[in-house]
Amino acid sequence: MKAHRKLVFVCTGSDCKKSGAKSLCNELKAELGHGSLKGTCQLIKTKCMDRCKSAPLAILDDHFFKKAKATHLLEKIKLSQK
């Protein structure tokens, strides 16, 4: 298996699920699976990260993204590839 450069962690605890973590994961998975981003990142679903007021929560490059949106995360990933 080819090594990925980046790891994207998405909390899938109950509050994050209620706040859209499932759709966030689906959007990220779809975008990271093709085009220029294919093979650049690995999406990792986590258990509760105990930051429920920030739901859905994602982590990229040691940065926490509160109320994470796929578009914002993908933009950060693309910028880091340059």
N, C-alpha and C. Protein backbone atom coordinates (compact mmCIF):
# COMPACT_ATOMS: atom_id res chain seq x y z
N MET A 1 0.84 -1.19 0.00
CA MET A 1 0.00 0.00 0.00
C MET A 1 0.88 1.24 0.00
N LYS A 2 0.53 2.19 -0.81
CA LYS A 2 1.26 3.44 -0.92
C LYS A 2 1.07 4.28 0.34
N ALA A 3 2.15 4.87 0.82
CA ALA A 3 2.06 5.73 2.01
C ALA A 3 1.35 7.03 1.68
N HIS A 4 0.51 7.47 2.58
CA HIS A 4 -0.20 8.73 2.41
C HIS A 4 0.61 9.83 3.08
N ARG A 5 0.53 11.00 2.55
CA ARG A 5 1.28 12.12 3.13
C ARG A 5 0.57 12.71 4.34
N LYS A 6 -0.72 12.80 4.29
CA LYS A 6 -1.48 13.47 5.35
C LYS A 6 -2.51 12.53 5.94
N LEU A 7 -2.85 12.82 7.20
CA LEU A 7 -3.92 12.10 7.87
C LEU A 7 -5.00 13.11 8.25
N VAL A 8 -6.24 12.77 7.97
CA VAL A 8 -7.38 13.60 8.36
C VAL A 8 -8.21 12.77 9.33
N PHE A 9 -8.32 13.24 10.55
CA PHE A 9 -9.10 12.56 11.58
C PHE A 9 -10.45 13.24 11.72
N VAL A 10 -11.52 12.47 11.69
CA VAL A 10 -12.87 13.01 11.87
C VAL A 10 -13.54 12.26 13.01
N CYS A 11 -13.99 13.01 14.00
CA CYS A 11 -14.69 12.42 15.14
C CYS A 11 -16.05 11.90 14.68
N THR A 12 -16.38 10.70 15.10
CA THR A 12 -17.69 10.13 14.76
C THR A 12 -18.47 9.77 16.03
N GLY A 13 -18.17 10.50 17.12
CA GLY A 13 -18.94 10.34 18.35
C GLY A 13 -20.38 10.79 18.13
N SER A 14 -21.24 10.55 19.09
CA SER A 14 -22.68 10.80 18.90
C SER A 14 -23.00 12.26 18.59
N ASP A 15 -22.39 13.22 19.28
CA ASP A 15 -22.67 14.63 18.99
C ASP A 15 -22.17 15.03 17.60
N CYS A 16 -21.01 14.52 17.22
CA CYS A 16 -20.48 14.82 15.89
C CYS A 16 -21.35 14.19 14.80
N LYS A 17 -21.84 12.98 15.05
CA LYS A 17 -22.74 12.34 14.09
C LYS A 17 -23.99 13.19 13.90
N LYS A 18 -24.55 13.68 15.01
CA LYS A 18 -25.76 14.51 14.94
C LYS A 18 -25.49 15.82 14.20
N SER A 19 -24.24 16.27 14.23
CA SER A 19 -23.88 17.55 13.62
C SER A 19 -23.31 17.40 12.21
N GLY A 20 -23.36 16.21 11.65
CA GLY A 20 -22.98 16.04 10.25
C GLY A 20 -21.67 15.34 9.96
N ALA A 21 -21.12 14.62 10.92
CA ALA A 21 -19.84 13.93 10.70
C ALA A 21 -19.93 12.89 9.58
N LYS A 22 -21.07 12.23 9.47
CA LYS A 22 -21.21 11.21 8.44
C LYS A 22 -21.13 11.83 7.05
N SER A 23 -21.84 12.92 6.83
CA SER A 23 -21.78 13.56 5.52
C SER A 23 -20.41 14.19 5.27
N LEU A 24 -19.78 14.69 6.34
CA LEU A 24 -18.42 15.23 6.22
C LEU A 24 -17.48 14.13 5.74
N CYS A 25 -17.55 12.97 6.36
CA CYS A 25 -16.70 11.84 5.96
C CYS A 25 -16.98 11.41 4.52
N ASN A 26 -18.26 11.36 4.15
CA ASN A 26 -18.62 10.97 2.79
C ASN A 26 -18.08 11.95 1.76
N GLU A 27 -18.20 13.24 2.03
CA GLU A 27 -17.68 14.26 1.11
C GLU A 27 -16.16 14.17 0.99
N LEU A 28 -15.49 14.04 2.12
CA LEU A 28 -14.03 13.95 2.09
C LEU A 28 -13.58 12.69 1.36
N LYS A 29 -14.22 11.58 1.65
CA LYS A 29 -13.86 10.32 1.00
C LYS A 29 -14.02 10.41 -0.51
N ALA A 30 -15.10 11.02 -0.95
CA ALA A 30 -15.35 11.16 -2.39
C ALA A 30 -14.28 12.02 -3.06
N GLU A 31 -13.94 13.14 -2.44
CA GLU A 31 -12.96 14.05 -3.03
C GLU A 31 -11.53 13.52 -2.94
N LEU A 32 -11.22 12.83 -1.86
CA LEU A 32 -9.86 12.32 -1.67
C LEU A 32 -9.60 11.05 -2.49
N GLY A 33 -10.64 10.51 -3.07
CA GLY A 33 -10.51 9.27 -3.82
C GLY A 33 -10.24 9.43 -5.30
N HIS A 34 -10.18 10.66 -5.78
CA HIS A 34 -9.94 10.85 -7.22
C HIS A 34 -9.26 12.18 -7.49
N GLY A 35 -8.89 12.38 -8.73
CA GLY A 35 -8.29 13.65 -9.15
C GLY A 35 -6.93 13.90 -8.52
N SER A 36 -6.60 15.16 -8.40
CA SER A 36 -5.27 15.54 -7.90
C SER A 36 -5.04 15.18 -6.44
N LEU A 37 -6.10 14.93 -5.69
CA LEU A 37 -5.96 14.59 -4.28
C LEU A 37 -5.86 13.08 -4.02
N LYS A 38 -6.03 12.29 -5.05
CA LYS A 38 -6.01 10.83 -4.86
C LYS A 38 -4.65 10.40 -4.31
N GLY A 39 -4.69 9.68 -3.20
CA GLY A 39 -3.48 9.15 -2.59
C GLY A 39 -2.70 10.13 -1.74
N THR A 40 -3.21 11.36 -1.59
CA THR A 40 -2.47 12.35 -0.81
C THR A 40 -2.84 12.33 0.66
N CYS A 41 -4.01 11.81 0.98
CA CYS A 41 -4.51 11.82 2.36
C CYS A 41 -5.20 10.51 2.69
N GLN A 42 -5.23 10.23 3.96
CA GLN A 42 -6.00 9.09 4.46
C GLN A 42 -7.01 9.61 5.47
N LEU A 43 -8.25 9.26 5.29
CA LEU A 43 -9.33 9.65 6.20
C LEU A 43 -9.44 8.60 7.31
N ILE A 44 -9.40 9.06 8.54
CA ILE A 44 -9.50 8.17 9.69
C ILE A 44 -10.66 8.62 10.56
N LYS A 45 -11.64 7.74 10.73
CA LYS A 45 -12.77 8.02 11.61
C LYS A 45 -12.38 7.63 13.02
N THR A 46 -12.64 8.52 13.97
CA THR A 46 -12.27 8.26 15.36
C THR A 46 -13.50 8.15 16.25
N LYS A 47 -13.28 7.62 17.42
CA LYS A 47 -14.32 7.66 18.45
C LYS A 47 -14.34 9.07 19.01
N CYS A 48 -15.19 9.31 19.97
CA CYS A 48 -15.36 10.65 20.53
C CYS A 48 -14.03 11.24 20.99
N MET A 49 -13.78 12.49 20.58
CA MET A 49 -12.56 13.20 20.98
C MET A 49 -12.82 14.17 22.12
N ASP A 50 -14.02 14.12 22.68
CA ASP A 50 -14.39 14.92 23.85
C ASP A 50 -14.31 16.43 23.59
N ARG A 51 -14.71 16.83 22.41
CA ARG A 51 -14.80 18.24 22.04
C ARG A 51 -16.19 18.48 21.44
N CYS A 52 -17.20 18.00 22.15
CA CYS A 52 -18.56 17.91 21.62
C CYS A 52 -19.17 19.26 21.22
N LYS A 53 -18.77 20.34 21.89
CA LYS A 53 -19.31 21.65 21.53
C LYS A 53 -18.78 22.14 20.20
N SER A 54 -17.76 21.48 19.68
CA SER A 54 -17.14 21.87 18.41
C SER A 54 -17.59 20.99 17.25
N ALA A 55 -18.59 20.16 17.48
CA ALA A 55 -19.01 19.15 16.51
C ALA A 55 -19.50 19.74 15.19
N PRO A 56 -19.17 19.08 14.07
CA PRO A 56 -18.26 17.96 13.93
C PRO A 56 -16.80 18.44 13.97
N LEU A 57 -15.97 17.63 14.56
CA LEU A 57 -14.57 17.99 14.76
C LEU A 57 -13.68 17.19 13.82
N ALA A 58 -12.69 17.88 13.24
CA ALA A 58 -11.70 17.22 12.39
C ALA A 58 -10.32 17.72 12.78
N ILE A 59 -9.33 16.90 12.53
CA ILE A 59 -7.94 17.28 12.79
C ILE A 59 -7.14 17.04 11.52
N LEU A 60 -6.37 18.06 11.13
CA LEU A 60 -5.48 17.98 9.97
C LEU A 60 -4.21 18.73 10.33
N ASP A 61 -3.08 18.09 10.17
CA ASP A 61 -1.78 18.73 10.47
C ASP A 61 -1.74 19.31 11.88
N ASP A 62 -2.20 18.57 12.85
CA ASP A 62 -2.18 18.99 14.26
C ASP A 62 -3.04 20.23 14.54
N HIS A 63 -3.95 20.56 13.63
CA HIS A 63 -4.87 21.68 13.83
C HIS A 63 -6.28 21.12 13.98
N PHE A 64 -6.98 21.62 14.98
CA PHE A 64 -8.37 21.24 15.19
C PHE A 64 -9.27 22.14 14.35
N PHE A 65 -10.22 21.54 13.66
CA PHE A 65 -11.20 22.28 12.88
C PHE A 65 -12.56 22.09 13.53
N LYS A 66 -13.03 23.15 14.20
CA LYS A 66 -14.32 23.11 14.87
C LYS A 66 -15.42 23.32 13.85
N LYS A 67 -16.53 22.63 14.05
CA LYS A 67 -17.66 22.71 13.13
C LYS A 67 -17.16 22.55 11.69
N ALA A 68 -16.37 21.51 11.49
CA ALA A 68 -15.64 21.28 10.25
C ALA A 68 -16.55 21.16 9.03
N LYS A 69 -16.07 21.74 7.95
CA LYS A 69 -16.73 21.66 6.65
C LYS A 69 -15.76 21.03 5.67
N ALA A 70 -16.27 20.16 4.81
CA ALA A 70 -15.42 19.48 3.84
C ALA A 70 -14.71 20.47 2.93
N THR A 71 -15.40 21.51 2.50
CA THR A 71 -14.79 22.48 1.59
C THR A 71 -13.58 23.15 2.22
N HIS A 72 -13.67 23.50 3.48
CA HIS A 72 -12.56 24.15 4.18
C HIS A 72 -11.38 23.19 4.33
N LEU A 73 -11.65 21.96 4.73
CA LEU A 73 -10.58 20.97 4.88
C LEU A 73 -9.91 20.67 3.55
N LEU A 74 -10.70 20.51 2.50
CA LEU A 74 -10.14 20.23 1.18
C LEU A 74 -9.28 21.39 0.68
N GLU A 75 -9.72 22.61 0.96
CA GLU A 75 -8.93 23.78 0.59
C GLU A 75 -7.57 23.76 1.29
N LYS A 76 -7.56 23.44 2.58
CA LYS A 76 -6.31 23.36 3.35
C LYS A 76 -5.40 22.25 2.80
N ILE A 77 -6.00 21.13 2.44
CA ILE A 77 -5.22 20.01 1.89
C ILE A 77 -4.60 20.42 0.56
N LYS A 78 -5.38 21.05 -0.30
CA LYS A 78 -4.87 21.49 -1.60
C LYS A 78 -3.75 22.51 -1.44
N LEU A 79 -3.91 23.44 -0.52
CA LEU A 79 -2.87 24.45 -0.30
C LEU A 79 -1.58 23.82 0.21
N SER A 80 -1.70 22.80 1.01
CA SER A 80 -0.50 22.16 1.56
C SER A 80 0.22 21.30 0.52
N GLN A 81 -0.44 20.99 -0.58
CA GLN A 81 0.18 20.18 -1.64
C GLN A 81 1.07 21.01 -2.55
N LYS A 82 0.96 22.32 -2.48
CA LYS A 82 1.73 23.20 -3.39
C LYS A 82 3.13 23.39 -2.91
